[in-house]
Full PDB file with SEQRES, HELIX, SHEET, SSBOND, CRYST1, ORIGX, SCALE, CONECT and MASTER records, all heavy atoms in Angstrom:
SEQRES   1 A   37  ALA ILE ALA ALA LEU GLY LEU ASP PRO GLY LEU GLY VAL          
SEQRES   2 A   37  LEU HIS VAL ASP THR PRO THR ARG ASP SER LEU ALA CYS          
SEQRES   3 A   37  ASP VAL MET GLU PRO ILE ARG PRO GLU VAL ASP                  
HELIX    1 AA1 ILE A    2  LEU A    5  1                                   4    
HELIX    2 AA2 SER A   23  VAL A   28  1                                   6    
HELIX    3 AA3 GLU A   30  ILE A   32  5                                   3    
HELIX    4 AA4 ARG A   33  VAL A   36  1                                   4    
CRYST1    1.000    1.000    1.000  90.00  90.00  90.00 P 1           1          
ORIGX1      1.000000  0.000000  0.000000        0.00000                         
ORIGX2      0.000000  1.000000  0.000000        0.00000                         
ORIGX3      0.000000  0.000000  1.000000        0.00000                         
SCALE1      1.000000  0.000000  0.000000        0.00000                         
SCALE2      0.000000  1.000000  0.000000        0.00000                         
SCALE3      0.000000  0.000000  1.000000        0.00000                         
ATOM      1  N   ALA A   1    -112.108  82.111  29.724  1.00  0.00           N  
ATOM      2  CA  ALA A   1    -111.221  81.041  29.176  1.00  0.00           C  
ATOM      3  C   ALA A   1    -112.147  79.949  28.537  1.00  0.00           C  
ATOM      4  O   ALA A   1    -111.754  79.482  27.429  1.00  0.00           O  
ATOM      5  CB  ALA A   1    -110.441  80.425  30.286  1.00  0.00           C  
ATOM      6  N   ILE A   2    -113.201  79.626  29.093  1.00  0.00           N  
ATOM      7  CA  ILE A   2    -114.094  78.594  28.597  1.00  0.00           C  
ATOM      8  C   ILE A   2    -114.708  79.070  27.218  1.00  0.00           C  
ATOM      9  O   ILE A   2    -114.707  78.268  26.273  1.00  0.00           O  
ATOM     10  CB  ILE A   2    -115.247  78.244  29.648  1.00  0.00           C  
ATOM     11  CG1 ILE A   2    -114.597  77.541  30.804  1.00  0.00           C  
ATOM     12  CG2 ILE A   2    -116.269  77.430  28.906  1.00  0.00           C  
ATOM     13  CD1 ILE A   2    -115.595  77.448  31.907  1.00  0.00           C  
ATOM     14  N   ALA A   3    -115.164  80.225  27.196  1.00  0.00           N  
ATOM     15  CA  ALA A   3    -115.735  80.822  25.941  1.00  0.00           C  
ATOM     16  C   ALA A   3    -114.675  80.876  24.773  1.00  0.00           C  
ATOM     17  O   ALA A   3    -115.009  80.606  23.678  1.00  0.00           O  
ATOM     18  CB  ALA A   3    -116.261  82.214  26.171  1.00  0.00           C  
ATOM     19  N   ALA A   4    -113.392  81.263  25.240  1.00  0.00           N  
ATOM     20  CA  ALA A   4    -112.360  81.236  24.160  1.00  0.00           C  
ATOM     21  C   ALA A   4    -112.099  79.871  23.564  1.00  0.00           C  
ATOM     22  O   ALA A   4    -111.641  79.828  22.390  1.00  0.00           O  
ATOM     23  CB  ALA A   4    -111.126  81.871  24.728  1.00  0.00           C  
ATOM     24  N   LEU A   5    -112.283  78.832  24.367  1.00  0.00           N  
ATOM     25  CA  LEU A   5    -112.091  77.433  23.851  1.00  0.00           C  
ATOM     26  C   LEU A   5    -113.297  76.837  23.123  1.00  0.00           C  
ATOM     27  O   LEU A   5    -113.200  75.695  22.645  1.00  0.00           O  
ATOM     28  CB  LEU A   5    -111.700  76.505  25.015  1.00  0.00           C  
ATOM     29  CG  LEU A   5    -110.412  76.827  25.726  1.00  0.00           C  
ATOM     30  CD1 LEU A   5    -110.197  76.065  26.968  1.00  0.00           C  
ATOM     31  CD2 LEU A   5    -109.242  76.691  24.796  1.00  0.00           C  
ATOM     32  N   GLY A   6    -114.433  77.536  23.082  1.00  0.00           N  
ATOM     33  CA  GLY A   6    -115.483  77.121  22.292  1.00  0.00           C  
ATOM     34  C   GLY A   6    -116.459  76.215  23.118  1.00  0.00           C  
ATOM     35  O   GLY A   6    -117.347  75.602  22.564  1.00  0.00           O  
ATOM     36  N   LEU A   7    -116.379  76.238  24.488  1.00  0.00           N  
ATOM     37  CA  LEU A   7    -117.244  75.526  25.302  1.00  0.00           C  
ATOM     38  C   LEU A   7    -118.382  76.417  25.787  1.00  0.00           C  
ATOM     39  O   LEU A   7    -118.273  77.616  25.730  1.00  0.00           O  
ATOM     40  CB  LEU A   7    -116.499  74.959  26.457  1.00  0.00           C  
ATOM     41  CG  LEU A   7    -115.443  73.877  26.203  1.00  0.00           C  
ATOM     42  CD1 LEU A   7    -114.684  73.599  27.497  1.00  0.00           C  
ATOM     43  CD2 LEU A   7    -116.000  72.655  25.794  1.00  0.00           C  
ATOM     44  N   ASP A   8    -119.424  75.787  26.347  1.00  0.00           N  
ATOM     45  CA  ASP A   8    -120.538  76.492  26.891  1.00  0.00           C  
ATOM     46  C   ASP A   8    -120.315  76.649  28.370  1.00  0.00           C  
ATOM     47  O   ASP A   8    -120.324  75.701  29.098  1.00  0.00           O  
ATOM     48  CB  ASP A   8    -121.897  75.674  26.640  1.00  0.00           C  
ATOM     49  CG  ASP A   8    -123.088  76.507  27.028  1.00  0.00           C  
ATOM     50  OD1 ASP A   8    -122.887  77.404  27.759  1.00  0.00           O  
ATOM     51  OD2 ASP A   8    -124.217  76.091  26.570  1.00  0.00           O  
ATOM     52  N   PRO A   9    -120.251  77.913  28.944  1.00  0.00           N  
ATOM     53  CA  PRO A   9    -119.928  78.090  30.337  1.00  0.00           C  
ATOM     54  C   PRO A   9    -121.029  77.618  31.212  1.00  0.00           C  
ATOM     55  O   PRO A   9    -120.830  77.398  32.388  1.00  0.00           O  
ATOM     56  CB  PRO A   9    -119.697  79.597  30.409  1.00  0.00           C  
ATOM     57  CG  PRO A   9    -119.374  80.069  29.117  1.00  0.00           C  
ATOM     58  CD  PRO A   9    -120.124  79.157  28.128  1.00  0.00           C  
ATOM     59  N   GLY A  10    -122.286  77.474  30.689  1.00  0.00           N  
ATOM     60  CA  GLY A  10    -123.378  77.105  31.482  1.00  0.00           C  
ATOM     61  C   GLY A  10    -123.587  75.643  31.684  1.00  0.00           C  
ATOM     62  O   GLY A  10    -124.271  75.214  32.609  1.00  0.00           O  
ATOM     63  N   LEU A  11    -122.928  74.752  30.847  1.00  0.00           N  
ATOM     64  CA  LEU A  11    -123.123  73.286  31.045  1.00  0.00           C  
ATOM     65  C   LEU A  11    -122.056  72.774  31.872  1.00  0.00           C  
ATOM     66  O   LEU A  11    -120.914  72.439  31.478  1.00  0.00           O  
ATOM     67  CB  LEU A  11    -123.092  72.671  29.706  1.00  0.00           C  
ATOM     68  CG  LEU A  11    -124.266  73.004  28.692  1.00  0.00           C  
ATOM     69  CD1 LEU A  11    -124.051  72.297  27.349  1.00  0.00           C  
ATOM     70  CD2 LEU A  11    -125.591  72.587  29.314  1.00  0.00           C  
ATOM     71  N   GLY A  12    -122.251  72.601  33.209  1.00  0.00           N  
ATOM     72  CA  GLY A  12    -121.248  72.173  34.145  1.00  0.00           C  
ATOM     73  C   GLY A  12    -121.269  70.664  34.275  1.00  0.00           C  
ATOM     74  O   GLY A  12    -122.126  69.926  33.825  1.00  0.00           O  
ATOM     75  N   VAL A  13    -120.213  70.179  34.955  1.00  0.00           N  
ATOM     76  CA  VAL A  13    -120.118  68.738  35.262  1.00  0.00           C  
ATOM     77  C   VAL A  13    -120.186  68.487  36.719  1.00  0.00           C  
ATOM     78  O   VAL A  13    -120.606  67.340  37.085  1.00  0.00           O  
ATOM     79  CB  VAL A  13    -118.636  68.263  34.723  1.00  0.00           C  
ATOM     80  CG1 VAL A  13    -118.572  68.275  33.250  1.00  0.00           C  
ATOM     81  CG2 VAL A  13    -117.580  69.053  35.422  1.00  0.00           C  
ATOM     82  N   LEU A  14    -119.867  69.375  37.555  1.00  0.00           N  
ATOM     83  CA  LEU A  14    -120.008  69.226  38.974  1.00  0.00           C  
ATOM     84  C   LEU A  14    -121.038  70.032  39.672  1.00  0.00           C  
ATOM     85  O   LEU A  14    -121.923  69.548  40.430  1.00  0.00           O  
ATOM     86  CB  LEU A  14    -118.688  69.508  39.679  1.00  0.00           C  
ATOM     87  CG  LEU A  14    -118.553  69.415  41.163  1.00  0.00           C  
ATOM     88  CD1 LEU A  14    -118.746  67.884  41.562  1.00  0.00           C  
ATOM     89  CD2 LEU A  14    -117.179  69.906  41.718  1.00  0.00           C  
ATOM     90  N   HIS A  15    -121.162  71.371  39.301  1.00  0.00           N  
ATOM     91  CA  HIS A  15    -122.072  72.232  39.848  1.00  0.00           C  
ATOM     92  C   HIS A  15    -123.432  71.971  39.133  1.00  0.00           C  
ATOM     93  O   HIS A  15    -123.418  71.754  37.876  1.00  0.00           O  
ATOM     94  CB  HIS A  15    -121.706  73.619  39.713  1.00  0.00           C  
ATOM     95  CG  HIS A  15    -120.544  73.987  40.702  1.00  0.00           C  
ATOM     96  ND1 HIS A  15    -119.281  73.689  40.479  1.00  0.00           N  
ATOM     97  CD2 HIS A  15    -120.657  74.688  41.899  1.00  0.00           C  
ATOM     98  CE1 HIS A  15    -118.562  74.112  41.408  1.00  0.00           C  
ATOM     99  NE2 HIS A  15    -119.314  74.758  42.300  1.00  0.00           N  
ATOM    100  N   VAL A  16    -124.507  72.164  39.844  1.00  0.00           N  
ATOM    101  CA  VAL A  16    -125.860  71.931  39.207  1.00  0.00           C  
ATOM    102  C   VAL A  16    -126.122  73.093  38.310  1.00  0.00           C  
ATOM    103  O   VAL A  16    -125.823  74.319  38.585  1.00  0.00           O  
ATOM    104  CB  VAL A  16    -126.853  71.826  40.322  1.00  0.00           C  
ATOM    105  CG1 VAL A  16    -128.285  71.774  39.698  1.00  0.00           C  
ATOM    106  CG2 VAL A  16    -126.606  70.727  41.235  1.00  0.00           C  
ATOM    107  N   ASP A  17    -126.648  72.752  37.169  1.00  0.00           N  
ATOM    108  CA  ASP A  17    -127.141  73.857  36.172  1.00  0.00           C  
ATOM    109  C   ASP A  17    -128.165  74.716  36.740  1.00  0.00           C  
ATOM    110  O   ASP A  17    -129.218  74.225  37.090  1.00  0.00           O  
ATOM    111  CB  ASP A  17    -127.519  73.177  34.815  1.00  0.00           C  
ATOM    112  CG  ASP A  17    -126.358  72.413  34.209  1.00  0.00           C  
ATOM    113  OD1 ASP A  17    -125.204  72.789  34.544  1.00  0.00           O  
ATOM    114  OD2 ASP A  17    -126.668  71.557  33.393  1.00  0.00           O  
ATOM    115  N   THR A  18    -127.914  76.032  36.737  1.00  0.00           N  
ATOM    116  CA  THR A  18    -128.968  76.991  37.218  1.00  0.00           C  
ATOM    117  C   THR A  18    -128.993  78.148  36.264  1.00  0.00           C  
ATOM    118  O   THR A  18    -127.871  78.445  35.559  1.00  0.00           O  
ATOM    119  CB  THR A  18    -128.781  77.393  38.655  1.00  0.00           C  
ATOM    120  OG1 THR A  18    -127.460  78.137  38.642  1.00  0.00           O  
ATOM    121  CG2 THR A  18    -128.636  76.257  39.579  1.00  0.00           C  
ATOM    122  N   PRO A  19    -130.004  78.853  36.154  1.00  0.00           N  
ATOM    123  CA  PRO A  19    -130.067  80.057  35.251  1.00  0.00           C  
ATOM    124  C   PRO A  19    -129.336  81.246  35.786  1.00  0.00           C  
ATOM    125  O   PRO A  19    -129.149  82.255  35.058  1.00  0.00           O  
ATOM    126  CB  PRO A  19    -131.557  80.351  35.059  1.00  0.00           C  
ATOM    127  CG  PRO A  19    -132.170  79.850  36.361  1.00  0.00           C  
ATOM    128  CD  PRO A  19    -131.405  78.627  36.702  1.00  0.00           C  
ATOM    129  N   THR A  20    -128.815  81.213  37.061  1.00  0.00           N  
ATOM    130  CA  THR A  20    -128.240  82.339  37.604  1.00  0.00           C  
ATOM    131  C   THR A  20    -126.706  82.250  37.646  1.00  0.00           C  
ATOM    132  O   THR A  20    -126.043  83.209  38.215  1.00  0.00           O  
ATOM    133  CB  THR A  20    -128.702  82.575  39.027  1.00  0.00           C  
ATOM    134  OG1 THR A  20    -128.433  81.323  39.819  1.00  0.00           O  
ATOM    135  CG2 THR A  20    -130.183  82.758  39.068  1.00  0.00           C  
ATOM    136  N   ARG A  21    -126.028  81.252  37.075  1.00  0.00           N  
ATOM    137  CA  ARG A  21    -124.619  81.108  37.061  1.00  0.00           C  
ATOM    138  C   ARG A  21    -124.154  80.299  35.963  1.00  0.00           C  
ATOM    139  O   ARG A  21    -124.944  79.526  35.403  1.00  0.00           O  
ATOM    140  CB  ARG A  21    -124.129  80.505  38.435  1.00  0.00           C  
ATOM    141  CG  ARG A  21    -124.392  79.055  38.558  1.00  0.00           C  
ATOM    142  CD  ARG A  21    -123.980  78.479  39.886  1.00  0.00           C  
ATOM    143  NE  ARG A  21    -124.282  77.066  40.047  1.00  0.00           N  
ATOM    144  CZ  ARG A  21    -124.350  76.397  41.132  1.00  0.00           C  
ATOM    145  NH1 ARG A  21    -124.053  77.041  42.311  1.00  0.00           N  
ATOM    146  NH2 ARG A  21    -124.669  75.098  41.118  1.00  0.00           N  
ATOM    147  N   ASP A  22    -122.870  80.365  35.682  1.00  0.00           N  
ATOM    148  CA  ASP A  22    -122.232  79.581  34.639  1.00  0.00           C  
ATOM    149  C   ASP A  22    -121.588  78.359  35.364  1.00  0.00           C  
ATOM    150  O   ASP A  22    -120.457  78.465  36.021  1.00  0.00           O  
ATOM    151  CB  ASP A  22    -121.240  80.354  33.868  1.00  0.00           C  
ATOM    152  CG  ASP A  22    -121.887  81.369  32.974  1.00  0.00           C  
ATOM    153  OD1 ASP A  22    -122.981  81.160  32.629  1.00  0.00           O  
ATOM    154  OD2 ASP A  22    -121.265  82.429  32.707  1.00  0.00           O  
ATOM    155  N   SER A  23    -122.241  77.259  35.338  1.00  0.00           N  
ATOM    156  CA  SER A  23    -121.770  76.050  36.139  1.00  0.00           C  
ATOM    157  C   SER A  23    -120.417  75.608  35.763  1.00  0.00           C  
ATOM    158  O   SER A  23    -119.570  75.311  36.653  1.00  0.00           O  
ATOM    159  CB  SER A  23    -122.741  74.929  36.039  1.00  0.00           C  
ATOM    160  OG  SER A  23    -124.003  75.339  36.493  1.00  0.00           O  
ATOM    161  N   LEU A  24    -120.049  75.550  34.448  1.00  0.00           N  
ATOM    162  CA  LEU A  24    -118.747  75.035  34.004  1.00  0.00           C  
ATOM    163  C   LEU A  24    -117.629  76.028  34.541  1.00  0.00           C  
ATOM    164  O   LEU A  24    -116.498  75.577  34.837  1.00  0.00           O  
ATOM    165  CB  LEU A  24    -118.683  74.819  32.548  1.00  0.00           C  
ATOM    166  CG  LEU A  24    -117.394  74.245  31.990  1.00  0.00           C  
ATOM    167  CD1 LEU A  24    -117.215  72.829  32.626  1.00  0.00           C  
ATOM    168  CD2 LEU A  24    -117.405  74.149  30.449  1.00  0.00           C  
ATOM    169  N   ALA A  25    -117.934  77.277  34.509  1.00  0.00           N  
ATOM    170  CA  ALA A  25    -116.904  78.187  35.024  1.00  0.00           C  
ATOM    171  C   ALA A  25    -116.623  77.985  36.481  1.00  0.00           C  
ATOM    172  O   ALA A  25    -115.486  78.056  36.947  1.00  0.00           O  
ATOM    173  CB  ALA A  25    -117.398  79.670  34.876  1.00  0.00           C  
ATOM    174  N   CYS A  26    -117.745  77.699  37.273  1.00  0.00           N  
ATOM    175  CA  CYS A  26    -117.456  77.361  38.740  1.00  0.00           C  
ATOM    176  C   CYS A  26    -116.774  76.123  38.864  1.00  0.00           C  
ATOM    177  O   CYS A  26    -115.941  75.948  39.766  1.00  0.00           O  
ATOM    178  CB  CYS A  26    -118.798  77.215  39.418  1.00  0.00           C  
ATOM    179  SG  CYS A  26    -119.792  78.755  39.455  1.00  0.00           S  
ATOM    180  N   ASP A  27    -116.944  75.173  37.875  1.00  0.00           N  
ATOM    181  CA  ASP A  27    -116.144  73.833  37.952  1.00  0.00           C  
ATOM    182  C   ASP A  27    -114.673  74.044  37.726  1.00  0.00           C  
ATOM    183  O   ASP A  27    -113.739  73.646  38.374  1.00  0.00           O  
ATOM    184  CB  ASP A  27    -116.633  72.816  36.928  1.00  0.00           C  
ATOM    185  CG  ASP A  27    -118.068  72.434  37.259  1.00  0.00           C  
ATOM    186  OD1 ASP A  27    -118.537  72.520  38.376  1.00  0.00           O  
ATOM    187  OD2 ASP A  27    -118.782  71.920  36.352  1.00  0.00           O  
ATOM    188  N   VAL A  28    -114.332  74.860  36.649  1.00  0.00           N  
ATOM    189  CA  VAL A  28    -112.974  75.065  36.251  1.00  0.00           C  
ATOM    190  C   VAL A  28    -112.249  75.879  37.206  1.00  0.00           C  
ATOM    191  O   VAL A  28    -110.975  75.693  37.404  1.00  0.00           O  
ATOM    192  CB  VAL A  28    -113.006  75.839  34.844  1.00  0.00           C  
ATOM    193  CG1 VAL A  28    -111.549  76.272  34.468  1.00  0.00           C  
ATOM    194  CG2 VAL A  28    -113.506  74.828  33.768  1.00  0.00           C  
ATOM    195  N   MET A  29    -112.832  76.703  37.963  1.00  0.00           N  
ATOM    196  CA  MET A  29    -112.097  77.491  38.932  1.00  0.00           C  
ATOM    197  C   MET A  29    -111.827  76.736  40.272  1.00  0.00           C  
ATOM    198  O   MET A  29    -111.091  77.248  41.091  1.00  0.00           O  
ATOM    199  CB  MET A  29    -112.855  78.769  39.303  1.00  0.00           C  
ATOM    200  CG  MET A  29    -114.156  78.538  39.959  1.00  0.00           C  
ATOM    201  SD  MET A  29    -115.239  80.049  40.216  1.00  0.00           S  
ATOM    202  CE  MET A  29    -114.415  80.637  41.703  1.00  0.00           C  
ATOM    203  N   GLU A  30    -112.402  75.561  40.504  1.00  0.00           N  
ATOM    204  CA  GLU A  30    -112.158  74.869  41.746  1.00  0.00           C  
ATOM    205  C   GLU A  30    -110.643  74.598  42.073  1.00  0.00           C  
ATOM    206  O   GLU A  30    -110.232  74.776  43.142  1.00  0.00           O  
ATOM    207  CB  GLU A  30    -112.936  73.494  41.641  1.00  0.00           C  
ATOM    208  CG  GLU A  30    -114.550  73.687  41.750  1.00  0.00           C  
ATOM    209  CD  GLU A  30    -114.879  74.249  43.104  1.00  0.00           C  
ATOM    210  OE1 GLU A  30    -114.145  74.003  44.120  1.00  0.00           O  
ATOM    211  OE2 GLU A  30    -115.913  74.832  43.168  1.00  0.00           O  
ATOM    212  N   PRO A  31    -109.895  74.067  41.104  1.00  0.00           N  
ATOM    213  CA  PRO A  31    -108.435  73.843  41.458  1.00  0.00           C  
ATOM    214  C   PRO A  31    -107.640  75.045  41.747  1.00  0.00           C  
ATOM    215  O   PRO A  31    -106.575  74.991  42.373  1.00  0.00           O  
ATOM    216  CB  PRO A  31    -107.822  73.179  40.150  1.00  0.00           C  
ATOM    217  CG  PRO A  31    -109.054  72.662  39.438  1.00  0.00           C  
ATOM    218  CD  PRO A  31    -110.249  73.603  39.783  1.00  0.00           C  
ATOM    219  N   ILE A  32    -108.116  76.258  41.336  1.00  0.00           N  
ATOM    220  CA  ILE A  32    -107.414  77.529  41.556  1.00  0.00           C  
ATOM    221  C   ILE A  32    -107.771  78.107  42.896  1.00  0.00           C  
ATOM    222  O   ILE A  32    -107.176  79.139  43.280  1.00  0.00           O  
ATOM    223  CB  ILE A  32    -107.612  78.426  40.355  1.00  0.00           C  
ATOM    224  CG1 ILE A  32    -107.472  77.724  39.010  1.00  0.00           C  
ATOM    225  CG2 ILE A  32    -106.540  79.611  40.434  1.00  0.00           C  
ATOM    226  CD1 ILE A  32    -106.053  77.026  38.883  1.00  0.00           C  
ATOM    227  N   ARG A  33    -108.930  77.807  43.454  1.00  0.00           N  
ATOM    228  CA  ARG A  33    -109.371  78.330  44.677  1.00  0.00           C  
ATOM    229  C   ARG A  33    -108.234  78.317  45.843  1.00  0.00           C  
ATOM    230  O   ARG A  33    -108.026  79.269  46.539  1.00  0.00           O  
ATOM    231  CB  ARG A  33    -110.558  77.632  45.193  1.00  0.00           C  
ATOM    232  CG  ARG A  33    -111.914  78.020  44.490  1.00  0.00           C  
ATOM    233  CD  ARG A  33    -112.972  77.255  45.020  1.00  0.00           C  
ATOM    234  NE  ARG A  33    -114.307  77.550  44.336  1.00  0.00           N  
ATOM    235  CZ  ARG A  33    -115.197  78.510  44.668  1.00  0.00           C  
ATOM    236  NH1 ARG A  33    -114.976  79.269  45.723  1.00  0.00           N  
ATOM    237  NH2 ARG A  33    -116.265  78.682  43.983  1.00  0.00           N  
ATOM    238  N   PRO A  34    -107.483  77.234  46.010  1.00  0.00           N  
ATOM    239  CA  PRO A  34    -106.471  77.220  47.055  1.00  0.00           C  
ATOM    240  C   PRO A  34    -105.406  78.317  46.799  1.00  0.00           C  
ATOM    241  O   PRO A  34    -104.859  78.883  47.738  1.00  0.00           O  
ATOM    242  CB  PRO A  34    -105.841  75.831  46.949  1.00  0.00           C  
ATOM    243  CG  PRO A  34    -106.906  74.999  46.489  1.00  0.00           C  
ATOM    244  CD  PRO A  34    -107.731  75.847  45.489  1.00  0.00           C  
ATOM    245  N   GLU A  35    -105.157  78.647  45.557  1.00  0.00           N  
ATOM    246  CA  GLU A  35    -104.144  79.723  45.178  1.00  0.00           C  
ATOM    247  C   GLU A  35    -104.733  81.082  45.635  1.00  0.00           C  
ATOM    248  O   GLU A  35    -103.962  81.897  46.237  1.00  0.00           O  
ATOM    249  CB  GLU A  35    -103.893  79.726  43.745  1.00  0.00           C  
ATOM    250  CG  GLU A  35    -103.186  78.413  43.239  1.00  0.00           C  
ATOM    251  CD  GLU A  35    -102.743  78.472  41.784  1.00  0.00           C  
ATOM    252  OE1 GLU A  35    -102.554  79.651  41.313  1.00  0.00           O  
ATOM    253  OE2 GLU A  35    -102.696  77.544  41.083  1.00  0.00           O  
ATOM    254  N   VAL A  36    -105.999  81.344  45.440  1.00  0.00           N  
ATOM    255  CA  VAL A  36    -106.621  82.537  45.947  1.00  0.00           C  
ATOM    256  C   VAL A  36    -106.605  82.545  47.453  1.00  0.00           C  
ATOM    257  O   VAL A  36    -106.313  83.616  48.083  1.00  0.00           O  
ATOM    258  CB  VAL A  36    -108.064  82.611  45.423  1.00  0.00           C  
ATOM    259  CG1 VAL A  36    -108.700  83.854  46.030  1.00  0.00           C  
ATOM    260  CG2 VAL A  36    -108.076  82.664  43.942  1.00  0.00           C  
ATOM    261  N   ASP A  37    -106.854  81.427  48.145  1.00  0.00           N  
ATOM    262  CA  ASP A  37    -106.834  81.377  49.580  1.00  0.00           C  
ATOM    263  C   ASP A  37    -105.475  81.623  50.101  1.00  0.00           C  
ATOM    264  O   ASP A  37    -105.260  82.387  51.155  1.00  0.00           O  
ATOM    265  CB  ASP A  37    -107.274  79.949  50.028  1.00  0.00           C  
ATOM    266  CG  ASP A  37    -108.724  79.672  49.589  1.00  0.00           C  
ATOM    267  OD1 ASP A  37    -109.491  80.497  49.188  1.00  0.00           O  
ATOM    268  OD2 ASP A  37    -108.996  78.395  49.579  1.00  0.00           O  
TER     269      ASP A  37                                                      
MASTER        0    0    0    4    0    0    0    6  268    1    0    3          
END                                                                             
């Protein structure tokens, strides 16, 4: 979803930027975690 909107999945706002994950993807999925739970 992030890539389709033209954003960089690796530049997060909440999660720390690391070379092993896409931080912005982890940020965006936070509100949906309770639905998975």
